[in-house]
Amino acid sequence: MIINLQDDYKNIMIKKIMESGLDVPDNFDTMKLIITYYSFLRKKDFAGPNNIKKSKNFKCPSELQKGLNKLEDIIGNGGDILPYFNRSAFDLSEYDYLFLDWGIMHFHLGDKLRPHENLIERTGPILFAYKHFDTVYFINIYKHGHWADKEVIQEMYNNWPELIEQFTFKDVLSVSHDPTDRELMRLRKCGVNTSVQIKDSHGKLLVLMAPGMGLTAARTSINDTRLYQQTMKTLRRIQLRLISEEEHIKEDMQSKGIEIKQEISFKLTSFDQHHLYLLDEDHDYTITVRHA
């Protein structure tokens, strides 16, 4: 049997990326390109339907309320969220460290599109939001520049400790150096992960890992890197299973009146959330494989 599901998957993903309209760097290898595309898709996933929760201190300037209402409807009910992204989000060579490291998205809050662009008018204050399963948490509205402000994580903990507690180091009481916001930005640019120190409701120090799971040395998301690695393992497992079932597959082909003229050769033609769709073009024979 001729089959290479991993290569087929990579080719399909690269085709999707090239057709996406995004700016694609020519110096990324296939793995890094797919991982950065995963990160972009996770941003798009902030579009609804989602539940929405707002922090106790959440406050929107009156002049941005109309824009916030429109964005909130898209996050809650669905719609096109792309206009609320920053411009660099559409360039896969750009690193959104706030999102990649801490899992926090920022959204502009204009209520009209810029002339000749599919982007909402840029605003000084921006919404910081965090998604966990089907709930989006509105942390607050911040001015530009709070990309490494640990007070943002503190605000998350103060409102939703259950979101943060899963990232705490239970037996760590302190660390030798708590990087400043500026130092954290520099470390991110070098692909270095750091802990975050905040305080619990009793004033006790909490040391936690990045609530977005942090960065790899290549400055890609650990979350999305793990997804890529798991996908490759799943494809390899399915491929080995199909090879082991080759005789059964041939029997099924023959039962359908297909004359096997040459070695069977499967190609992954498409996939969805639950299935892989394979085709042996020479024999016009298809297989659907459940993968999740």
C-alpha atoms as a PDB file:
ATOM      1  CA  MET A   1       0.000   0.000   0.000  1.00  0.00           C
ATOM      2  CA  ILE A   2       1.244   3.458  -0.918  1.00  0.00           C
ATOM      3  CA  ILE A   3       0.114   6.014   1.655  1.00  0.00           C
ATOM      4  CA  ASN A   4       1.549   9.078   3.398  1.00  0.00           C
ATOM      5  CA  LEU A   5      -1.163  10.829   5.397  1.00  0.00           C
ATOM      6  CA  GLN A   6       1.188  13.248   7.111  1.00  0.00           C
ATOM      7  CA  ASP A   7       2.508  14.663   3.841  1.00  0.00           C
ATOM      8  CA  ASP A   8      -1.000  14.797   2.374  1.00  0.00           C
ATOM      9  CA  TYR A   9      -2.258  16.698   5.426  1.00  0.00           C
ATOM     10  CA  LYS A  10       0.616  19.183   5.240  1.00  0.00           C
ATOM     11  CA  ASN A  11      -0.066  19.791   1.546  1.00  0.00           C
ATOM     12  CA  ILE A  12      -3.768  20.397   2.198  1.00  0.00           C
ATOM     13  CA  MET A  13      -2.964  22.817   5.015  1.00  0.00           C
ATOM     14  CA  ILE A  14      -0.409  24.730   2.957  1.00  0.00           C
ATOM     15  CA  LYS A  15      -2.975  25.066   0.168  1.00  0.00           C
ATOM     16  CA  LYS A  16      -5.527  26.427   2.669  1.00  0.00           C
ATOM     17  CA  ILE A  17      -2.975  28.913   3.986  1.00  0.00           C
ATOM     18  CA  MET A  18      -1.976  30.105   0.518  1.00  0.00           C
ATOM     19  CA  GLU A  19      -5.633  30.616  -0.376  1.00  0.00           C
ATOM     20  CA  SER A  20      -6.494  32.335   2.928  1.00  0.00           C
ATOM     21  CA  GLY A  21      -5.501  35.848   1.860  1.00  0.00           C
ATOM     22  CA  LEU A  22      -3.051  36.098   4.751  1.00  0.00           C
ATOM     23  CA  ASP A  23       0.480  37.404   4.326  1.00  0.00           C
ATOM     24  CA  VAL A  24       2.621  34.267   4.277  1.00  0.00           C
ATOM     25  CA  PRO A  25       6.346  34.429   5.151  1.00  0.00           C
ATOM     26  CA  ASP A  26       8.678  32.599   2.806  1.00  0.00           C
ATOM     27  CA  ASN A  27      11.221  31.803   5.528  1.00  0.00           C
ATOM     28  CA  PHE A  28       8.961  29.569   7.671  1.00  0.00           C
ATOM     29  CA  ASP A  29       9.198  25.817   7.279  1.00  0.00           C
ATOM     30  CA  THR A  30       6.002  23.820   6.784  1.00  0.00           C
ATOM     31  CA  MET A  31       5.597  22.947  10.454  1.00  0.00           C
ATOM     32  CA  LYS A  32       5.971  26.527  11.687  1.00  0.00           C
ATOM     33  CA  LEU A  33       3.662  27.846   8.995  1.00  0.00           C
ATOM     34  CA  ILE A  34       0.894  25.416   9.930  1.00  0.00           C
ATOM     35  CA  ILE A  35       1.320  26.125  13.647  1.00  0.00           C
ATOM     36  CA  THR A  36       1.054  29.896  13.133  1.00  0.00           C
ATOM     37  CA  TYR A  37      -2.060  29.308  11.024  1.00  0.00           C
ATOM     38  CA  TYR A  38      -3.555  27.282  13.882  1.00  0.00           C
ATOM     39  CA  SER A  39      -2.997  30.323  16.100  1.00  0.00           C
ATOM     40  CA  PHE A  40      -4.831  32.541  13.622  1.00  0.00           C
ATOM     41  CA  LEU A  41      -7.759  30.097  13.533  1.00  0.00           C
ATOM     42  CA  ARG A  42      -7.936  30.164  17.339  1.00  0.00           C
ATOM     43  CA  LYS A  43      -8.318  33.929  17.155  1.00  0.00           C
ATOM     44  CA  LYS A  44     -11.177  33.549  14.676  1.00  0.00           C
ATOM     45  CA  ASP A  45     -12.795  31.151  17.141  1.00  0.00           C
ATOM     46  CA  PHE A  46     -13.624  34.135  19.377  1.00  0.00           C
ATOM     47  CA  ALA A  47     -16.581  34.667  17.033  1.00  0.00           C
ATOM     48  CA  GLY A  48     -19.702  33.095  18.532  1.00  0.00           C
ATOM     49  CA  PRO A  49     -21.728  31.458  19.588  1.00  0.00           C
ATOM     50  CA  ASN A  50     -20.112  31.912  23.006  1.00  0.00           C
ATOM     51  CA  ASN A  51     -21.157  32.762  26.503  1.00  0.00           C
ATOM     52  CA  ILE A  52     -19.773  36.091  27.719  1.00  0.00           C
ATOM     53  CA  LYS A  53     -18.693  37.014  31.224  1.00  0.00           C
ATOM     54  CA  LYS A  54     -17.456  40.462  32.276  1.00  0.00           C
ATOM     55  CA  SER A  55     -15.190  41.308  35.184  1.00  0.00           C
ATOM     56  CA  LYS A  56     -16.587  43.141  38.194  1.00  0.00           C
ATOM     57  CA  ASN A  57     -14.504  46.196  37.301  1.00  0.00           C
ATOM     58  CA  PHE A  58     -15.397  46.150  33.625  1.00  0.00           C
ATOM     59  CA  LYS A  59     -16.009  49.637  32.308  1.00  0.00           C
ATOM     60  CA  CYS A  60     -16.334  50.892  28.764  1.00  0.00           C
ATOM     61  CA  PRO A  61     -15.902  54.567  27.812  1.00  0.00           C
ATOM     62  CA  SER A  62     -19.221  55.906  26.560  1.00  0.00           C
ATOM     63  CA  GLU A  63     -17.775  56.844  23.165  1.00  0.00           C
ATOM     64  CA  LEU A  64     -16.778  53.179  22.585  1.00  0.00           C
ATOM     65  CA  GLN A  65     -19.994  51.592  23.833  1.00  0.00           C
ATOM     66  CA  LYS A  66     -21.563  51.314  20.381  1.00  0.00           C
ATOM     67  CA  GLY A  67     -18.497  49.567  18.997  1.00  0.00           C
ATOM     68  CA  LEU A  68     -18.340  47.271  22.012  1.00  0.00           C
ATOM     69  CA  ASN A  69     -22.001  46.342  21.585  1.00  0.00           C
ATOM     70  CA  LYS A  70     -21.390  45.288  17.970  1.00  0.00           C
ATOM     71  CA  LEU A  71     -18.331  43.247  18.924  1.00  0.00           C
ATOM     72  CA  GLU A  72     -20.166  41.665  21.845  1.00  0.00           C
ATOM     73  CA  ASP A  73     -22.939  40.547  19.490  1.00  0.00           C
ATOM     74  CA  ILE A  74     -20.397  38.894  17.180  1.00  0.00           C
ATOM     75  CA  ILE A  75     -18.639  37.146  20.066  1.00  0.00           C
ATOM     76  CA  GLY A  76     -21.926  36.059  21.608  1.00  0.00           C
ATOM     77  CA  ASN A  77     -23.931  35.136  18.537  1.00  0.00           C
ATOM     78  CA  GLY A  78     -21.518  34.844  15.621  1.00  0.00           C
ATOM     79  CA  GLY A  79     -20.440  36.972  12.675  1.00  0.00           C
ATOM     80  CA  ASP A  80     -17.311  38.364  11.073  1.00  0.00           C
ATOM     81  CA  ILE A  81     -14.823  39.127  13.827  1.00  0.00           C
ATOM     82  CA  LEU A  82     -11.864  39.811  11.526  1.00  0.00           C
ATOM     83  CA  PRO A  83     -12.426  43.595  11.230  1.00  0.00           C
ATOM     84  CA  TYR A  84     -11.812  43.919  14.979  1.00  0.00           C
ATOM     85  CA  PHE A  85      -8.322  42.402  14.738  1.00  0.00           C
ATOM     86  CA  ASN A  86      -5.186  44.492  14.539  1.00  0.00           C
ATOM     87  CA  ARG A  87      -3.650  44.755  11.080  1.00  0.00           C
ATOM     88  CA  SER A  88      -0.620  42.594  11.928  1.00  0.00           C
ATOM     89  CA  ALA A  89      -2.926  39.656  12.759  1.00  0.00           C
ATOM     90  CA  PHE A  90      -3.168  38.986   9.018  1.00  0.00           C
ATOM     91  CA  ASP A  91       0.608  38.614   8.643  1.00  0.00           C
ATOM     92  CA  LEU A  92       1.727  35.174   9.819  1.00  0.00           C
ATOM     93  CA  SER A  93       5.285  36.436  10.318  1.00  0.00           C
ATOM     94  CA  GLU A  94       4.093  38.781  13.082  1.00  0.00           C
ATOM     95  CA  TYR A  95       4.065  37.508  16.654  1.00  0.00           C
ATOM     96  CA  ASP A  96       1.127  38.417  18.894  1.00  0.00           C
ATOM     97  CA  TYR A  97       2.887  37.725  22.183  1.00  0.00           C
ATOM     98  CA  LEU A  98      -0.075  38.648  24.381  1.00  0.00           C
ATOM     99  CA  PHE A  99      -2.147  35.947  22.686  1.00  0.00           C
ATOM    100  CA  LEU A 100       0.581  33.358  22.151  1.00  0.00           C
ATOM    101  CA  ASP A 101       1.905  33.597  25.712  1.00  0.00           C
ATOM    102  CA  TRP A 102      -1.129  34.443  27.830  1.00  0.00           C
ATOM    103  CA  GLY A 103      -3.991  33.455  25.512  1.00  0.00           C
ATOM    104  CA  ILE A 104      -5.438  36.987  25.702  1.00  0.00           C
ATOM    105  CA  MET A 105      -6.891  38.620  22.589  1.00  0.00           C
ATOM    106  CA  HIS A 106      -7.199  42.349  22.108  1.00  0.00           C
ATOM    107  CA  PHE A 107      -9.912  43.910  19.982  1.00  0.00           C
ATOM    108  CA  HIS A 108     -10.355  47.403  18.601  1.00  0.00           C
ATOM    109  CA  LEU A 109     -13.689  48.998  19.440  1.00  0.00           C
ATOM    110  CA  GLY A 110     -14.524  51.313  16.569  1.00  0.00           C
ATOM    111  CA  ASP A 111     -18.024  51.074  15.172  1.00  0.00           C
ATOM    112  CA  LYS A 112     -17.318  51.913  11.528  1.00  0.00           C
ATOM    113  CA  LEU A 113     -15.053  50.389   8.924  1.00  0.00           C
ATOM    114  CA  ARG A 114     -12.010  52.359   7.811  1.00  0.00           C
ATOM    115  CA  PRO A 115     -12.269  53.640   4.224  1.00  0.00           C
ATOM    116  CA  HIS A 116     -11.180  51.009   1.668  1.00  0.00           C
ATOM    117  CA  GLU A 117     -10.307  48.483   4.412  1.00  0.00           C
ATOM    118  CA  ASN A 118     -12.156  45.646   6.065  1.00  0.00           C
ATOM    119  CA  LEU A 119     -10.958  46.905   9.446  1.00  0.00           C
ATOM    120  CA  ILE A 120     -12.866  48.691  12.175  1.00  0.00           C
ATOM    121  CA  GLU A 121     -11.601  52.171  13.026  1.00  0.00           C
ATOM    122  CA  ARG A 122      -8.629  51.853  15.374  1.00  0.00           C
ATOM    123  CA  THR A 123      -9.183  52.897  18.982  1.00  0.00           C
ATOM    124  CA  GLY A 124      -6.743  53.822  21.749  1.00  0.00           C
ATOM    125  CA  PRO A 125      -8.546  51.776  24.403  1.00  0.00           C
ATOM    126  CA  ILE A 126      -8.949  48.123  23.411  1.00  0.00           C
ATOM    127  CA  LEU A 127     -10.789  45.128  24.832  1.00  0.00           C
ATOM    128  CA  PHE A 128      -8.747  42.340  26.436  1.00  0.00           C
ATOM    129  CA  ALA A 129     -10.570  38.996  26.352  1.00  0.00           C
ATOM    130  CA  TYR A 130      -9.773  35.365  27.158  1.00  0.00           C
ATOM    131  CA  LYS A 131     -11.560  32.306  25.752  1.00  0.00           C
ATOM    132  CA  HIS A 132     -12.005  29.035  27.629  1.00  0.00           C
ATOM    133  CA  PHE A 133     -14.139  26.399  25.914  1.00  0.00           C
ATOM    134  CA  ASP A 134     -17.389  28.168  24.917  1.00  0.00           C
ATOM    135  CA  THR A 135     -17.030  31.178  27.228  1.00  0.00           C
ATOM    136  CA  VAL A 136     -15.263  34.449  26.449  1.00  0.00           C
ATOM    137  CA  TYR A 137     -14.184  36.468  29.464  1.00  0.00           C
ATOM    138  CA  PHE A 138     -14.093  40.252  29.047  1.00  0.00           C
ATOM    139  CA  ILE A 139     -11.225  41.190  31.368  1.00  0.00           C
ATOM    140  CA  ASN A 140     -11.414  44.946  30.846  1.00  0.00           C
ATOM    141  CA  ILE A 141     -10.650  47.741  28.432  1.00  0.00           C
ATOM    142  CA  TYR A 142      -7.026  48.875  28.459  1.00  0.00           C
ATOM    143  CA  LYS A 143      -4.915  51.431  26.663  1.00  0.00           C
ATOM    144  CA  HIS A 144      -2.370  50.221  24.128  1.00  0.00           C
ATOM    145  CA  GLY A 145       0.842  48.988  25.675  1.00  0.00           C
ATOM    146  CA  HIS A 146      -0.349  46.619  28.398  1.00  0.00           C
ATOM    147  CA  TRP A 147       0.940  43.603  26.474  1.00  0.00           C
ATOM    148  CA  ALA A 148       2.915  42.239  29.443  1.00  0.00           C
ATOM    149  CA  ASP A 149       1.123  43.893  32.351  1.00  0.00           C
ATOM    150  CA  LYS A 150       0.751  41.289  35.117  1.00  0.00           C
ATOM    151  CA  GLU A 151      -2.148  43.296  36.529  1.00  0.00           C
ATOM    152  CA  VAL A 152      -4.186  41.875  33.644  1.00  0.00           C
ATOM    153  CA  ILE A 153      -3.557  38.350  34.988  1.00  0.00           C
ATOM    154  CA  GLN A 154      -4.317  39.588  38.496  1.00  0.00           C
ATOM    155  CA  GLU A 155      -7.666  40.918  37.244  1.00  0.00           C
ATOM    156  CA  MET A 156      -8.444  37.544  35.718  1.00  0.00           C
ATOM    157  CA  TYR A 157      -7.664  35.805  39.006  1.00  0.00           C
ATOM    158  CA  ASN A 158      -9.679  38.289  41.063  1.00  0.00           C
ATOM    159  CA  ASN A 159     -12.757  37.583  38.955  1.00  0.00           C
ATOM    160  CA  TRP A 160     -12.346  33.979  37.834  1.00  0.00           C
ATOM    161  CA  PRO A 161      -9.799  32.196  40.051  1.00  0.00           C
ATOM    162  CA  GLU A 162     -10.859  28.867  38.518  1.00  0.00           C
ATOM    163  CA  LEU A 163      -9.333  29.993  35.208  1.00  0.00           C
ATOM    164  CA  ILE A 164      -5.967  30.720  36.771  1.00  0.00           C
ATOM    165  CA  GLU A 165      -5.618  28.068  39.476  1.00  0.00           C
ATOM    166  CA  GLN A 166      -4.981  25.340  36.900  1.00  0.00           C
ATOM    167  CA  PHE A 167      -1.773  27.163  35.932  1.00  0.00           C
ATOM    168  CA  THR A 168      -0.368  27.639  39.447  1.00  0.00           C
ATOM    169  CA  PHE A 169       2.760  25.885  40.690  1.00  0.00           C
ATOM    170  CA  LYS A 170       1.346  24.413  43.902  1.00  0.00           C
ATOM    171  CA  ASP A 171       4.614  23.912  45.773  1.00  0.00           C
ATOM    172  CA  VAL A 172       6.464  27.024  44.612  1.00  0.00           C
ATOM    173  CA  LEU A 173       6.417  29.837  47.176  1.00  0.00           C
ATOM    174  CA  SER A 174       8.508  32.360  45.234  1.00  0.00           C
ATOM    175  CA  VAL A 175      10.998  32.734  42.397  1.00  0.00           C
ATOM    176  CA  SER A 176      14.384  34.428  42.544  1.00  0.00           C
ATOM    177  CA  HIS A 177      13.459  37.094  40.011  1.00  0.00           C
ATOM    178  CA  ASP A 178      10.081  38.350  38.920  1.00  0.00           C
ATOM    179  CA  PRO A 179      10.681  40.009  35.526  1.00  0.00           C
ATOM    180  CA  THR A 180       9.327  43.470  34.942  1.00  0.00           C
ATOM    181  CA  ASP A 181       6.848  44.037  32.146  1.00  0.00           C
ATOM    182  CA  ARG A 182       9.619  45.339  29.908  1.00  0.00           C
ATOM    183  CA  GLU A 183      11.859  42.368  30.686  1.00  0.00           C
ATOM    184  CA  LEU A 184       8.987  40.001  29.947  1.00  0.00           C
ATOM    185  CA  MET A 185       8.521  41.563  26.518  1.00  0.00           C
ATOM    186  CA  ARG A 186      12.209  41.102  25.739  1.00  0.00           C
ATOM    187  CA  LEU A 187      12.174  37.498  26.939  1.00  0.00           C
ATOM    188  CA  ARG A 188       9.130  36.716  24.802  1.00  0.00           C
ATOM    189  CA  LYS A 189      10.953  37.983  21.722  1.00  0.00           C
ATOM    190  CA  CYS A 190      13.719  35.471  22.493  1.00  0.00           C
ATOM    191  CA  GLY A 191      11.246  32.605  22.873  1.00  0.00           C
ATOM    192  CA  VAL A 192      11.841  32.370  26.644  1.00  0.00           C
ATOM    193  CA  ASN A 193       9.019  31.385  28.979  1.00  0.00           C
ATOM    194  CA  THR A 194       8.692  32.946  32.411  1.00  0.00           C
ATOM    195  CA  SER A 195       6.463  32.474  35.413  1.00  0.00           C
ATOM    196  CA  VAL A 196       3.965  35.109  36.523  1.00  0.00           C
ATOM    197  CA  GLN A 197       3.580  36.221  40.134  1.00  0.00           C
ATOM    198  CA  ILE A 198       0.252  37.481  41.461  1.00  0.00           C
ATOM    199  CA  LYS A 199      -1.535  37.375  44.827  1.00  0.00           C
ATOM    200  CA  ASP A 200      -4.514  35.378  46.010  1.00  0.00           C
ATOM    201  CA  SER A 201      -7.496  36.790  47.910  1.00  0.00           C
ATOM    202  CA  HIS A 202      -5.524  36.613  51.185  1.00  0.00           C
ATOM    203  CA  GLY A 203      -2.498  38.413  49.817  1.00  0.00           C
ATOM    204  CA  LYS A 204      -0.472  35.208  49.506  1.00  0.00           C
ATOM    205  CA  LEU A 205       1.930  34.990  46.585  1.00  0.00           C
ATOM    206  CA  LEU A 206       0.920  32.771  43.680  1.00  0.00           C
ATOM    207  CA  VAL A 207       3.424  31.649  41.058  1.00  0.00           C
ATOM    208  CA  LEU A 208       1.920  30.438  37.812  1.00  0.00           C
ATOM    209  CA  MET A 209       2.811  29.494  34.305  1.00  0.00           C
ATOM    210  CA  ALA A 210       1.488  31.505  31.385  1.00  0.00           C
ATOM    211  CA  PRO A 211      -2.312  31.037  31.112  1.00  0.00           C
ATOM    212  CA  GLY A 212      -1.886  30.663  27.346  1.00  0.00           C
ATOM    213  CA  MET A 213       0.692  27.867  27.925  1.00  0.00           C
ATOM    214  CA  GLY A 214       3.567  30.049  26.734  1.00  0.00           C
ATOM    215  CA  LEU A 215       5.934  30.032  23.767  1.00  0.00           C
ATOM    216  CA  THR A 216       8.329  27.612  22.134  1.00  0.00           C
ATOM    217  CA  ALA A 217      11.904  28.592  21.340  1.00  0.00           C
ATOM    218  CA  ALA A 218      10.647  29.276  17.800  1.00  0.00           C
ATOM    219  CA  ARG A 219       8.221  31.847  19.313  1.00  0.00           C
ATOM    220  CA  THR A 220       5.190  29.815  18.329  1.00  0.00           C
ATOM    221  CA  SER A 221       2.357  28.856  20.660  1.00  0.00           C
ATOM    222  CA  ILE A 222       2.999  25.782  22.809  1.00  0.00           C
ATOM    223  CA  ASN A 223      -0.741  25.081  22.591  1.00  0.00           C
ATOM    224  CA  ASP A 224      -0.713  25.020  18.801  1.00  0.00           C
ATOM    225  CA  THR A 225       2.608  23.179  18.620  1.00  0.00           C
ATOM    226  CA  ARG A 226       1.093  20.414  20.731  1.00  0.00           C
ATOM    227  CA  LEU A 227      -1.934  20.317  18.456  1.00  0.00           C
ATOM    228  CA  TYR A 228       0.333  19.901  15.421  1.00  0.00           C
ATOM    229  CA  GLN A 229       2.328  17.130  17.091  1.00  0.00           C
ATOM    230  CA  GLN A 230      -0.851  15.327  18.156  1.00  0.00           C
ATOM    231  CA  THR A 231      -2.234  15.605  14.634  1.00  0.00           C
ATOM    232  CA  MET A 232       0.922  14.041  13.193  1.00  0.00           C
ATOM    233  CA  LYS A 233       0.736  11.188  15.742  1.00  0.00           C
ATOM    234  CA  THR A 234      -2.932  10.561  14.942  1.00  0.00           C
ATOM    235  CA  LEU A 235      -2.263  10.457  11.205  1.00  0.00           C
ATOM    236  CA  ARG A 236       0.635   8.065  11.732  1.00  0.00           C
ATOM    237  CA  ARG A 237      -1.520   5.781  13.897  1.00  0.00           C
ATOM    238  CA  ILE A 238      -4.323   5.708  11.310  1.00  0.00           C
ATOM    239  CA  GLN A 239      -1.844   5.050   8.513  1.00  0.00           C
ATOM    240  CA  LEU A 240      -0.334   2.055  10.311  1.00  0.00           C
ATOM    241  CA  ARG A 241      -3.822   0.700  10.980  1.00  0.00           C
ATOM    242  CA  LEU A 242      -4.795   0.960   7.319  1.00  0.00           C
ATOM    243  CA  ILE A 243      -1.602  -0.784   6.248  1.00  0.00           C
ATOM    244  CA  SER A 244      -2.347  -3.597   8.681  1.00  0.00           C
ATOM    245  CA  GLU A 245      -5.858  -3.906   7.208  1.00  0.00           C
ATOM    246  CA  GLU A 246      -4.725  -3.961   3.569  1.00  0.00           C
ATOM    247  CA  GLU A 247      -6.049  -7.460   2.865  1.00  0.00           C
ATOM    248  CA  HIS A 248      -9.473  -6.576   4.279  1.00  0.00           C
ATOM    249  CA  ILE A 249      -9.514  -3.438   2.123  1.00  0.00           C
ATOM    250  CA  LYS A 250      -8.698  -5.478  -0.979  1.00  0.00           C
ATOM    251  CA  GLU A 251     -11.491  -7.902  -0.147  1.00  0.00           C
ATOM    252  CA  ASP A 252     -13.935  -5.003   0.170  1.00  0.00           C
ATOM    253  CA  MET A 253     -12.779  -3.603  -3.176  1.00  0.00           C
ATOM    254  CA  GLN A 254     -13.272  -6.937  -4.884  1.00  0.00           C
ATOM    255  CA  SER A 255     -16.718  -7.358  -3.291  1.00  0.00           C
ATOM    256  CA  LYS A 256     -17.656  -4.084  -4.972  1.00  0.00           C
ATOM    257  CA  GLY A 257     -16.528  -5.405  -8.354  1.00  0.00           C
ATOM    258  CA  ILE A 258     -13.271  -3.472  -8.446  1.00  0.00           C
ATOM    259  CA  GLU A 259     -10.440  -5.218 -10.270  1.00  0.00           C
ATOM    260  CA  ILE A 260      -7.171  -4.556  -8.469  1.00  0.00           C
ATOM    261  CA  LYS A 261      -4.759  -3.844 -11.310  1.00  0.00           C
ATOM    262  CA  GLN A 262      -1.860  -2.417  -9.308  1.00  0.00           C
ATOM    263  CA  GLU A 263      -0.757  -1.593  -5.779  1.00  0.00           C
ATOM    264  CA  ILE A 264      -3.457   0.303  -3.948  1.00  0.00           C
ATOM    265  CA  SER A 265      -2.504   3.912  -3.254  1.00  0.00           C
ATOM    266  CA  PHE A 266      -4.454   6.169  -0.925  1.00  0.00           C
ATOM    267  CA  LYS A 267      -4.317   9.939  -0.803  1.00  0.00           C
ATOM    268  CA  LEU A 268      -5.925  12.134   1.828  1.00  0.00           C
ATOM    269  CA  THR A 269      -8.218  14.424  -0.150  1.00  0.00           C
ATOM    270  CA  SER A 270      -9.962  16.300   2.660  1.00  0.00           C
ATOM    271  CA  PHE A 271     -10.844  16.153   6.336  1.00  0.00           C
ATOM    272  CA  ASP A 272     -13.234  17.659   8.842  1.00  0.00           C
ATOM    273  CA  GLN A 273     -13.531  17.739  12.607  1.00  0.00           C
ATOM    274  CA  HIS A 274     -14.240  14.030  12.868  1.00  0.00           C
ATOM    275  CA  HIS A 275     -13.311  12.306   9.595  1.00  0.00           C
ATOM    276  CA  LEU A 276     -10.556  11.789   7.042  1.00  0.00           C
ATOM    277  CA  TYR A 277     -11.545  11.201   3.411  1.00  0.00           C
ATOM    278  CA  LEU A 278      -9.156   9.023   1.393  1.00  0.00           C
ATOM    279  CA  LEU A 279      -9.159   8.179  -2.304  1.00  0.00           C
ATOM    280  CA  ASP A 280      -7.406   5.551  -4.376  1.00  0.00           C
ATOM    281  CA  GLU A 281      -7.717   7.365  -7.694  1.00  0.00           C
ATOM    282  CA  ASP A 282      -6.477   4.458  -9.833  1.00  0.00           C
ATOM    283  CA  HIS A 283      -9.281   2.217  -8.571  1.00  0.00           C
ATOM    284  CA  ASP A 284     -11.866   4.953  -7.889  1.00  0.00           C
ATOM    285  CA  TYR A 285     -12.205   3.672  -4.349  1.00  0.00           C
ATOM    286  CA  THR A 286     -12.833   5.838  -1.281  1.00  0.00           C
ATOM    287  CA  ILE A 287     -12.492   5.305   2.445  1.00  0.00           C
ATOM    288  CA  THR A 288     -13.841   7.480   5.255  1.00  0.00           C
ATOM    289  CA  VAL A 289     -11.908   7.144   8.496  1.00  0.00           C
ATOM    290  CA  ARG A 290     -13.101   8.498  11.812  1.00  0.00           C
ATOM    291  CA  HIS A 291     -10.246  10.158  13.686  1.00  0.00           C
ATOM    292  CA  ALA A 292     -12.005  11.802  16.654  1.00  0.00           C
END
